[in-house]
Amino acid sequence: MLKKDYKALVATNRFDLNTLPVCGARTRSGGLCKHKGNIRNGRCKRHGGASTGPISQSFGKSHHRYVHGLRTKEIIIMRKLLTEITKSLKDLAQEDK
């Protein structure tokens, strides 16, 4: 393929950036975003749209946000019980003296 044929092929397959819509998402200052949106949903790369959330709703070690398990419901309950037990043991020790 000749170089000029390639340039003609690329020129015909490109879309015009000027025809893209303006994003229009609300900014923190209250105005509208003035960046060019994409073809798919009209929003710019900064305001792509709302997240659909995780694909599977499985929780526990297989969940994407599971780090170490120190803040799971079971561990929190166990810690509260442990503090109550230690407090009651300290109270018993104080009464014996």
PDB file of N, CA and C in Angstrom:
ATOM      1  N   MET A   1       0.845  -1.164   0.000  1.00  0.00           N
ATOM      2  CA  MET A   1       0.000   0.000   0.000  1.00  0.00           C
ATOM      3  C   MET A   1       0.899   1.239   0.000  1.00  0.00           C
ATOM      4  N   LEU A   2       0.550   2.165  -0.805  1.00  0.00           N
ATOM      5  CA  LEU A   2       1.315   3.401  -0.875  1.00  0.00           C
ATOM      6  C   LEU A   2       0.986   4.304   0.296  1.00  0.00           C
ATOM      7  N   LYS A   3       1.911   5.184   0.588  1.00  0.00           N
ATOM      8  CA  LYS A   3       1.750   6.070   1.719  1.00  0.00           C
ATOM      9  C   LYS A   3       0.524   6.973   1.569  1.00  0.00           C
ATOM     10  N   LYS A   4       0.293   7.501   0.385  1.00  0.00           N
ATOM     11  CA  LYS A   4      -0.852   8.389   0.198  1.00  0.00           C
ATOM     12  C   LYS A   4      -2.168   7.623   0.292  1.00  0.00           C
ATOM     13  N   ASP A   5      -2.174   6.350  -0.135  1.00  0.00           N
ATOM     14  CA  ASP A   5      -3.388   5.538   0.009  1.00  0.00           C
ATOM     15  C   ASP A   5      -3.707   5.318   1.490  1.00  0.00           C
ATOM     16  N   TYR A   6      -2.673   5.118   2.296  1.00  0.00           N
ATOM     17  CA  TYR A   6      -2.862   4.913   3.730  1.00  0.00           C
ATOM     18  C   TYR A   6      -3.454   6.163   4.377  1.00  0.00           C
ATOM     19  N   LYS A   7      -2.946   7.316   4.024  1.00  0.00           N
ATOM     20  CA  LYS A   7      -3.461   8.559   4.587  1.00  0.00           C
ATOM     21  C   LYS A   7      -4.924   8.762   4.210  1.00  0.00           C
ATOM     22  N   ALA A   8      -5.294   8.417   2.981  1.00  0.00           N
ATOM     23  CA  ALA A   8      -6.686   8.544   2.554  1.00  0.00           C
ATOM     24  C   ALA A   8      -7.570   7.569   3.325  1.00  0.00           C
ATOM     25  N   LEU A   9      -7.076   6.355   3.567  1.00  0.00           N
ATOM     26  CA  LEU A   9      -7.835   5.354   4.299  1.00  0.00           C
ATOM     27  C   LEU A   9      -8.066   5.797   5.745  1.00  0.00           C
ATOM     28  N   VAL A  10      -7.036   6.325   6.374  1.00  0.00           N
ATOM     29  CA  VAL A  10      -7.154   6.784   7.751  1.00  0.00           C
ATOM     30  C   VAL A  10      -8.098   7.977   7.823  1.00  0.00           C
ATOM     31  N   ALA A  11      -8.030   8.874   6.872  1.00  0.00           N
ATOM     32  CA  ALA A  11      -8.875  10.066   6.885  1.00  0.00           C
ATOM     33  C   ALA A  11     -10.347   9.701   6.745  1.00  0.00           C
ATOM     34  N   THR A  12     -10.676   8.669   5.973  1.00  0.00           N
ATOM     35  CA  THR A  12     -12.078   8.300   5.795  1.00  0.00           C
ATOM     36  C   THR A  12     -12.622   7.539   6.995  1.00  0.00           C
ATOM     37  N   ASN A  13     -11.769   6.819   7.742  1.00  0.00           N
ATOM     38  CA  ASN A  13     -12.236   6.023   8.866  1.00  0.00           C
ATOM     39  C   ASN A  13     -12.279   6.778  10.188  1.00  0.00           C
ATOM     40  N   ARG A  14     -11.725   7.962  10.250  1.00  0.00           N
ATOM     41  CA  ARG A  14     -11.728   8.732  11.491  1.00  0.00           C
ATOM     42  C   ARG A  14     -13.043   9.470  11.649  1.00  0.00           C
ATOM     43  N   PHE A  15     -13.482   9.639  12.880  1.00  0.00           N
ATOM     44  CA  PHE A  15     -14.670  10.440  13.128  1.00  0.00           C
ATOM     45  C   PHE A  15     -14.234  11.843  13.487  1.00  0.00           C
ATOM     46  N   ASP A  16     -15.111  12.767  13.283  1.00  0.00           N
ATOM     47  CA  ASP A  16     -14.797  14.170  13.524  1.00  0.00           C
ATOM     48  C   ASP A  16     -14.948  14.478  15.011  1.00  0.00           C
ATOM     49  N   LEU A  17     -13.896  14.956  15.647  1.00  0.00           N
ATOM     50  CA  LEU A  17     -13.928  15.268  17.061  1.00  0.00           C
ATOM     51  C   LEU A  17     -14.858  16.435  17.367  1.00  0.00           C
ATOM     52  N   ASN A  18     -15.112  17.275  16.387  1.00  0.00           N
ATOM     53  CA  ASN A  18     -15.981  18.427  16.605  1.00  0.00           C
ATOM     54  C   ASN A  18     -17.448  18.020  16.725  1.00  0.00           C
ATOM     55  N   THR A  19     -17.811  16.828  16.255  1.00  0.00           N
ATOM     56  CA  THR A  19     -19.201  16.393  16.333  1.00  0.00           C
ATOM     57  C   THR A  19     -19.537  15.741  17.664  1.00  0.00           C
ATOM     58  N   LEU A  20     -18.530  15.517  18.517  1.00  0.00           N
ATOM     59  CA  LEU A  20     -18.799  14.917  19.828  1.00  0.00           C
ATOM     60  C   LEU A  20     -19.578  15.893  20.700  1.00  0.00           C
ATOM     61  N   PRO A  21     -20.492  15.389  21.508  1.00  0.00           N
ATOM     62  CA  PRO A  21     -21.267  16.299  22.366  1.00  0.00           C
ATOM     63  C   PRO A  21     -20.426  16.790  23.541  1.00  0.00           C
ATOM     64  N   VAL A  22     -20.834  17.911  24.109  1.00  0.00           N
ATOM     65  CA  VAL A  22     -20.198  18.422  25.320  1.00  0.00           C
ATOM     66  C   VAL A  22     -20.691  17.571  26.481  1.00  0.00           C
ATOM     67  N   CYS A  23     -19.828  17.297  27.440  1.00  0.00           N
ATOM     68  CA  CYS A  23     -20.163  16.400  28.548  1.00  0.00           C
ATOM     69  C   CYS A  23     -21.392  16.874  29.310  1.00  0.00           C
ATOM     70  N   GLY A  24     -21.363  18.080  29.834  1.00  0.00           N
ATOM     71  CA  GLY A  24     -22.533  18.629  30.496  1.00  0.00           C
ATOM     72  C   GLY A  24     -22.789  18.138  31.902  1.00  0.00           C
ATOM     73  N   ALA A  25     -21.880  17.372  32.497  1.00  0.00           N
ATOM     74  CA  ALA A  25     -22.067  16.911  33.878  1.00  0.00           C
ATOM     75  C   ALA A  25     -21.894  18.086  34.831  1.00  0.00           C
ATOM     76  N   ARG A  26     -22.552  18.031  35.963  1.00  0.00           N
ATOM     77  CA  ARG A  26     -22.434  19.092  36.958  1.00  0.00           C
ATOM     78  C   ARG A  26     -21.085  19.015  37.647  1.00  0.00           C
ATOM     79  N   THR A  27     -20.430  20.155  37.769  1.00  0.00           N
ATOM     80  CA  THR A  27     -19.155  20.208  38.469  1.00  0.00           C
ATOM     81  C   THR A  27     -19.401  20.608  39.912  1.00  0.00           C
ATOM     82  N   ARG A  28     -18.353  20.571  40.730  1.00  0.00           N
ATOM     83  CA  ARG A  28     -18.495  20.934  42.141  1.00  0.00           C
ATOM     84  C   ARG A  28     -18.838  22.407  42.320  1.00  0.00           C
ATOM     85  N   SER A  29     -18.439  23.223  41.362  1.00  0.00           N
ATOM     86  CA  SER A  29     -18.760  24.647  41.459  1.00  0.00           C
ATOM     87  C   SER A  29     -20.183  24.943  41.006  1.00  0.00           C
ATOM     88  N   GLY A  30     -20.878  23.946  40.480  1.00  0.00           N
ATOM     89  CA  GLY A  30     -22.266  24.122  40.078  1.00  0.00           C
ATOM     90  C   GLY A  30     -22.454  24.329  38.590  1.00  0.00           C
ATOM     91  N   GLY A  31     -21.374  24.552  37.866  1.00  0.00           N
ATOM     92  CA  GLY A  31     -21.476  24.754  36.428  1.00  0.00           C
ATOM     93  C   GLY A  31     -21.524  23.430  35.674  1.00  0.00           C
ATOM     94  N   LEU A  32     -21.447  23.515  34.364  1.00  0.00           N
ATOM     95  CA  LEU A  32     -21.456  22.319  33.530  1.00  0.00           C
ATOM     96  C   LEU A  32     -20.050  22.026  33.022  1.00  0.00           C
ATOM     97  N   CYS A  33     -19.720  20.744  32.907  1.00  0.00           N
ATOM     98  CA  CYS A  33     -18.427  20.333  32.371  1.00  0.00           C
ATOM     99  C   CYS A  33     -18.380  20.686  30.889  1.00  0.00           C
ATOM    100  N   LYS A  34     -17.268  21.257  30.454  1.00  0.00           N
ATOM    101  CA  LYS A  34     -17.152  21.713  29.071  1.00  0.00           C
ATOM    102  C   LYS A  34     -16.282  20.800  28.210  1.00  0.00           C
ATOM    103  N   HIS A  35     -15.835  19.656  28.762  1.00  0.00           N
ATOM    104  CA  HIS A  35     -15.016  18.735  27.989  1.00  0.00           C
ATOM    105  C   HIS A  35     -15.879  18.002  26.962  1.00  0.00           C
ATOM    106  N   LYS A  36     -15.227  17.497  25.939  1.00  0.00           N
ATOM    107  CA  LYS A  36     -15.927  16.711  24.926  1.00  0.00           C
ATOM    108  C   LYS A  36     -16.280  15.347  25.491  1.00  0.00           C
ATOM    109  N   GLY A  37     -17.493  14.886  25.239  1.00  0.00           N
ATOM    110  CA  GLY A  37     -17.924  13.574  25.697  1.00  0.00           C
ATOM    111  C   GLY A  37     -17.510  12.499  24.708  1.00  0.00           C
ATOM    112  N   ASN A  38     -17.722  11.234  25.096  1.00  0.00           N
ATOM    113  CA  ASN A  38     -17.380  10.160  24.181  1.00  0.00           C
ATOM    114  C   ASN A  38     -18.606   9.735  23.379  1.00  0.00           C
ATOM    115  N   ILE A  39     -18.400   8.864  22.432  1.00  0.00           N
ATOM    116  CA  ILE A  39     -19.477   8.437  21.540  1.00  0.00           C
ATOM    117  C   ILE A  39     -20.482   7.572  22.289  1.00  0.00           C
ATOM    118  N   ARG A  40     -20.016   6.763  23.217  1.00  0.00           N
ATOM    119  CA  ARG A  40     -20.846   5.759  23.874  1.00  0.00           C
ATOM    120  C   ARG A  40     -21.961   6.370  24.711  1.00  0.00           C
ATOM    121  N   ASN A  41     -21.621   7.261  25.643  1.00  0.00           N
ATOM    122  CA  ASN A  41     -22.655   7.778  26.529  1.00  0.00           C
ATOM    123  C   ASN A  41     -22.676   9.299  26.621  1.00  0.00           C
ATOM    124  N   GLY A  42     -21.831   9.980  25.890  1.00  0.00           N
ATOM    125  CA  GLY A  42     -21.858  11.433  25.875  1.00  0.00           C
ATOM    126  C   GLY A  42     -21.113  12.112  27.007  1.00  0.00           C
ATOM    127  N   ARG A  43     -20.554  11.351  27.946  1.00  0.00           N
ATOM    128  CA  ARG A  43     -19.825  11.929  29.067  1.00  0.00           C
ATOM    129  C   ARG A  43     -18.330  11.882  28.786  1.00  0.00           C
ATOM    130  N   CYS A  44     -17.592  12.810  29.404  1.00  0.00           N
ATOM    131  CA  CYS A  44     -16.146  12.836  29.213  1.00  0.00           C
ATOM    132  C   CYS A  44     -15.494  11.750  30.054  1.00  0.00           C
ATOM    133  N   LYS A  45     -14.182  11.637  29.964  1.00  0.00           N
ATOM    134  CA  LYS A  45     -13.491  10.565  30.686  1.00  0.00           C
ATOM    135  C   LYS A  45     -13.514  10.784  32.191  1.00  0.00           C
ATOM    136  N   ARG A  46     -13.750  11.999  32.634  1.00  0.00           N
ATOM    137  CA  ARG A  46     -13.825  12.259  34.072  1.00  0.00           C
ATOM    138  C   ARG A  46     -15.200  11.959  34.653  1.00  0.00           C
ATOM    139  N   HIS A  47     -16.236  12.026  33.832  1.00  0.00           N
ATOM    140  CA  HIS A  47     -17.607  11.836  34.308  1.00  0.00           C
ATOM    141  C   HIS A  47     -18.270  10.690  33.550  1.00  0.00           C
ATOM    142  N   GLY A  48     -17.668   9.541  33.579  1.00  0.00           N
ATOM    143  CA  GLY A  48     -18.138   8.406  32.779  1.00  0.00           C
ATOM    144  C   GLY A  48     -19.522   7.920  33.105  1.00  0.00           C
ATOM    145  N   GLY A  49     -20.049   8.204  34.251  1.00  0.00           N
ATOM    146  CA  GLY A  49     -21.385   7.748  34.602  1.00  0.00           C
ATOM    147  C   GLY A  49     -21.356   7.024  35.927  1.00  0.00           C
ATOM    148  N   ALA A  50     -22.539   6.653  36.387  1.00  0.00           N
ATOM    149  CA  ALA A  50     -22.655   5.984  37.674  1.00  0.00           C
ATOM    150  C   ALA A  50     -22.108   4.575  37.595  1.00  0.00           C
ATOM    151  N   SER A  51     -21.550   4.106  38.691  1.00  0.00           N
ATOM    152  CA  SER A  51     -21.029   2.750  38.739  1.00  0.00           C
ATOM    153  C   SER A  51     -22.174   1.767  38.829  1.00  0.00           C
ATOM    154  N   THR A  52     -22.021   0.623  38.202  1.00  0.00           N
ATOM    155  CA  THR A  52     -23.047  -0.412  38.275  1.00  0.00           C
ATOM    156  C   THR A  52     -22.849  -1.297  39.480  1.00  0.00           C
ATOM    157  N   GLY A  53     -21.748  -1.116  40.210  1.00  0.00           N
ATOM    158  CA  GLY A  53     -21.486  -1.905  41.400  1.00  0.00           C
ATOM    159  C   GLY A  53     -20.784  -3.206  41.051  1.00  0.00           C
ATOM    160  N   PRO A  54     -20.518  -4.020  42.054  1.00  0.00           N
ATOM    161  CA  PRO A  54     -19.835  -5.277  41.795  1.00  0.00           C
ATOM    162  C   PRO A  54     -20.724  -6.249  41.021  1.00  0.00           C
ATOM    163  N   ILE A  55     -20.099  -7.109  40.253  1.00  0.00           N
ATOM    164  CA  ILE A  55     -20.836  -8.063  39.429  1.00  0.00           C
ATOM    165  C   ILE A  55     -21.513  -9.108  40.304  1.00  0.00           C
ATOM    166  N   SER A  56     -20.784  -9.676  41.242  1.00  0.00           N
ATOM    167  CA  SER A  56     -21.373 -10.672  42.138  1.00  0.00           C
ATOM    168  C   SER A  56     -21.474 -10.077  43.529  1.00  0.00           C
ATOM    169  N   GLN A  57     -22.517 -10.415  44.248  1.00  0.00           N
ATOM    170  CA  GLN A  57     -22.736  -9.868  45.575  1.00  0.00           C
ATOM    171  C   GLN A  57     -22.191 -10.786  46.662  1.00  0.00           C
ATOM    172  N   SER A  58     -21.180 -11.560  46.352  1.00  0.00           N
ATOM    173  CA  SER A  58     -20.610 -12.444  47.361  1.00  0.00           C
ATOM    174  C   SER A  58     -19.724 -11.629  48.296  1.00  0.00           C
ATOM    175  N   PHE A  59     -19.877 -11.878  49.591  1.00  0.00           N
ATOM    176  CA  PHE A  59     -19.073 -11.170  50.573  1.00  0.00           C
ATOM    177  C   PHE A  59     -18.178 -12.165  51.281  1.00  0.00           C
ATOM    178  N   GLY A  60     -17.167 -11.665  51.922  1.00  0.00           N
ATOM    179  CA  GLY A  60     -16.221 -12.523  52.607  1.00  0.00           C
ATOM    180  C   GLY A  60     -14.871 -12.443  51.937  1.00  0.00           C
ATOM    181  N   LYS A  61     -14.111 -13.514  52.020  1.00  0.00           N
ATOM    182  CA  LYS A  61     -12.747 -13.493  51.489  1.00  0.00           C
ATOM    183  C   LYS A  61     -12.703 -13.363  49.976  1.00  0.00           C
ATOM    184  N   SER A  62     -13.768 -13.759  49.272  1.00  0.00           N
ATOM    185  CA  SER A  62     -13.767 -13.665  47.820  1.00  0.00           C
ATOM    186  C   SER A  62     -14.209 -12.289  47.330  1.00  0.00           C
ATOM    187  N   HIS A  63     -14.645 -11.424  48.236  1.00  0.00           N
ATOM    188  CA  HIS A  63     -15.101 -10.096  47.837  1.00  0.00           C
ATOM    189  C   HIS A  63     -13.910  -9.205  47.511  1.00  0.00           C
ATOM    190  N   HIS A  64     -14.063  -8.294  46.554  1.00  0.00           N
ATOM    191  CA  HIS A  64     -12.939  -7.478  46.091  1.00  0.00           C
ATOM    192  C   HIS A  64     -12.458  -6.482  47.131  1.00  0.00           C
ATOM    193  N   ARG A  65     -13.273  -6.141  48.112  1.00  0.00           N
ATOM    194  CA  ARG A  65     -12.859  -5.181  49.119  1.00  0.00           C
ATOM    195  C   ARG A  65     -12.355  -5.837  50.395  1.00  0.00           C
ATOM    196  N   TYR A  66     -12.298  -7.149  50.439  1.00  0.00           N
ATOM    197  CA  TYR A  66     -11.831  -7.855  51.622  1.00  0.00           C
ATOM    198  C   TYR A  66     -10.322  -7.685  51.739  1.00  0.00           C
ATOM    199  N   VAL A  67      -9.873  -7.130  52.850  1.00  0.00           N
ATOM    200  CA  VAL A  67      -8.443  -6.895  53.018  1.00  0.00           C
ATOM    201  C   VAL A  67      -7.873  -7.828  54.078  1.00  0.00           C
ATOM    202  N   HIS A  68      -8.392  -7.748  55.311  1.00  0.00           N
ATOM    203  CA  HIS A  68      -7.811  -8.526  56.392  1.00  0.00           C
ATOM    204  C   HIS A  68      -8.858  -9.121  57.314  1.00  0.00           C
ATOM    205  N   GLY A  69     -10.103  -8.707  57.245  1.00  0.00           N
ATOM    206  CA  GLY A  69     -11.156  -9.287  58.053  1.00  0.00           C
ATOM    207  C   GLY A  69     -11.270  -8.746  59.453  1.00  0.00           C
ATOM    208  N   LEU A  70     -10.522  -7.695  59.784  1.00  0.00           N
ATOM    209  CA  LEU A  70     -10.569  -7.161  61.142  1.00  0.00           C
ATOM    210  C   LEU A  70     -11.812  -6.328  61.411  1.00  0.00           C
ATOM    211  N   ARG A  71     -12.558  -5.999  60.376  1.00  0.00           N
ATOM    212  CA  ARG A  71     -13.758  -5.197  60.549  1.00  0.00           C
ATOM    213  C   ARG A  71     -15.021  -5.928  60.103  1.00  0.00           C
ATOM    214  N   THR A  72     -14.978  -7.235  60.082  1.00  0.00           N
ATOM    215  CA  THR A  72     -16.182  -7.990  59.762  1.00  0.00           C
ATOM    216  C   THR A  72     -17.110  -7.991  60.967  1.00  0.00           C
ATOM    217  N   LYS A  73     -18.386  -8.267  60.730  1.00  0.00           N
ATOM    218  CA  LYS A  73     -19.373  -8.227  61.815  1.00  0.00           C
ATOM    219  C   LYS A  73     -19.018  -9.198  62.931  1.00  0.00           C
ATOM    220  N   GLU A  74     -18.568 -10.388  62.556  1.00  0.00           N
ATOM    221  CA  GLU A  74     -18.256 -11.393  63.570  1.00  0.00           C
ATOM    222  C   GLU A  74     -17.108 -10.957  64.469  1.00  0.00           C
ATOM    223  N   ILE A  75     -16.067 -10.397  63.878  1.00  0.00           N
ATOM    224  CA  ILE A  75     -14.905  -9.975  64.658  1.00  0.00           C
ATOM    225  C   ILE A  75     -15.262  -8.808  65.570  1.00  0.00           C
ATOM    226  N   ILE A  76     -16.075  -7.882  65.083  1.00  0.00           N
ATOM    227  CA  ILE A  76     -16.480  -6.749  65.913  1.00  0.00           C
ATOM    228  C   ILE A  76     -17.272  -7.230  67.123  1.00  0.00           C
ATOM    229  N   ILE A  77     -18.199  -8.166  66.912  1.00  0.00           N
ATOM    230  CA  ILE A  77     -18.985  -8.722  68.010  1.00  0.00           C
ATOM    231  C   ILE A  77     -18.076  -9.449  68.998  1.00  0.00           C
ATOM    232  N   MET A  78     -17.113 -10.218  68.489  1.00  0.00           N
ATOM    233  CA  MET A  78     -16.187 -10.936  69.371  1.00  0.00           C
ATOM    234  C   MET A  78     -15.367  -9.964  70.209  1.00  0.00           C
ATOM    235  N   ARG A  79     -14.919  -8.854  69.608  1.00  0.00           N
ATOM    236  CA  ARG A  79     -14.151  -7.868  70.354  1.00  0.00           C
ATOM    237  C   ARG A  79     -14.985  -7.219  71.458  1.00  0.00           C
ATOM    238  N   LYS A  80     -16.248  -6.921  71.158  1.00  0.00           N
ATOM    239  CA  LYS A  80     -17.116  -6.341  72.180  1.00  0.00           C
ATOM    240  C   LYS A  80     -17.319  -7.312  73.339  1.00  0.00           C
ATOM    241  N   LEU A  81     -17.545  -8.585  73.022  1.00  0.00           N
ATOM    242  CA  LEU A  81     -17.698  -9.593  74.076  1.00  0.00           C
ATOM    243  C   LEU A  81     -16.434  -9.719  74.906  1.00  0.00           C
ATOM    244  N   LEU A  82     -15.295  -9.687  74.246  1.00  0.00           N
ATOM    245  CA  LEU A  82     -14.027  -9.806  74.953  1.00  0.00           C
ATOM    246  C   LEU A  82     -13.812  -8.632  75.905  1.00  0.00           C
ATOM    247  N   THR A  83     -14.155  -7.418  75.478  1.00  0.00           N
ATOM    248  CA  THR A  83     -14.002  -6.268  76.376  1.00  0.00           C
ATOM    249  C   THR A  83     -14.963  -6.359  77.557  1.00  0.00           C
ATOM    250  N   GLU A  84     -16.173  -6.858  77.319  1.00  0.00           N
ATOM    251  CA  GLU A  84     -17.116  -7.034  78.428  1.00  0.00           C
ATOM    252  C   GLU A  84     -16.607  -8.070  79.427  1.00  0.00           C
ATOM    253  N   ILE A  85     -16.051  -9.161  78.926  1.00  0.00           N
ATOM    254  CA  ILE A  85     -15.526 -10.218  79.796  1.00  0.00           C
ATOM    255  C   ILE A  85     -14.355  -9.695  80.629  1.00  0.00           C
ATOM    256  N   THR A  86     -13.434  -8.992  79.979  1.00  0.00           N
ATOM    257  CA  THR A  86     -12.277  -8.471  80.719  1.00  0.00           C
ATOM    258  C   THR A  86     -12.707  -7.433  81.752  1.00  0.00           C
ATOM    259  N   LYS A  87     -13.704  -6.627  81.402  1.00  0.00           N
ATOM    260  CA  LYS A  87     -14.198  -5.636  82.367  1.00  0.00           C
ATOM    261  C   LYS A  87     -14.837  -6.320  83.577  1.00  0.00           C
ATOM    262  N   SER A  88     -15.627  -7.365  83.312  1.00  0.00           N
ATOM    263  CA  SER A  88     -16.260  -8.073  84.433  1.00  0.00           C
ATOM    264  C   SER A  88     -15.220  -8.799  85.284  1.00  0.00           C
ATOM    265  N   LEU A  89     -14.170  -9.332  84.673  1.00  0.00           N
ATOM    266  CA  LEU A  89     -13.106  -9.983  85.445  1.00  0.00           C
ATOM    267  C   LEU A  89     -12.351  -8.967  86.304  1.00  0.00           C
ATOM    268  N   LYS A  90     -12.117  -7.777  85.769  1.00  0.00           N
ATOM    269  CA  LYS A  90     -11.458  -6.743  86.558  1.00  0.00           C
ATOM    270  C   LYS A  90     -12.330  -6.321  87.739  1.00  0.00           C
ATOM    271  N   ASP A  91     -13.648  -6.239  87.493  1.00  0.00           N
ATOM    272  CA  ASP A  91     -14.564  -5.891  88.578  1.00  0.00           C
ATOM    273  C   ASP A  91     -14.552  -6.963  89.671  1.00  0.00           C
ATOM    274  N   LEU A  92     -14.509  -8.238  89.266  1.00  0.00           N
ATOM    275  CA  LEU A  92     -14.446  -9.335  90.239  1.00  0.00           C
ATOM    276  C   LEU A  92     -13.143  -9.277  91.028  1.00  0.00           C
ATOM    277  N   ALA A  93     -12.052  -8.953  90.357  1.00  0.00           N
ATOM    278  CA  ALA A  93     -10.766  -8.871  91.031  1.00  0.00           C
ATOM    279  C   ALA A  93     -10.766  -7.719  92.046  1.00  0.00           C
ATOM    280  N   GLN A  94     -11.431  -6.626  91.708  1.00  0.00           N
ATOM    281  CA  GLN A  94     -11.512  -5.478  92.615  1.00  0.00           C
ATOM    282  C   GLN A  94     -12.347  -5.825  93.861  1.00  0.00           C
ATOM    283  N   GLU A  95     -13.411  -6.625  93.661  1.00  0.00           N
ATOM    284  CA  GLU A  95     -14.268  -6.994  94.783  1.00  0.00           C
ATOM    285  C   GLU A  95     -13.564  -7.924  95.763  1.00  0.00           C
ATOM    286  N   ASP A  96     -12.693  -8.807  95.257  1.00  0.00           N
ATOM    287  CA  ASP A  96     -11.981  -9.750  96.120  1.00  0.00           C
ATOM    288  C   ASP A  96     -10.982  -9.045  97.033  1.00  0.00           C
ATOM    289  N   LYS A  97     -10.467  -7.923  96.628  1.00  0.00           N
ATOM    290  CA  LYS A  97      -9.439  -7.242  97.432  1.00  0.00           C
ATOM    291  C   LYS A  97     -10.023  -6.517  98.544  1.00  0.00           C
TER     292      LYS A  97
END
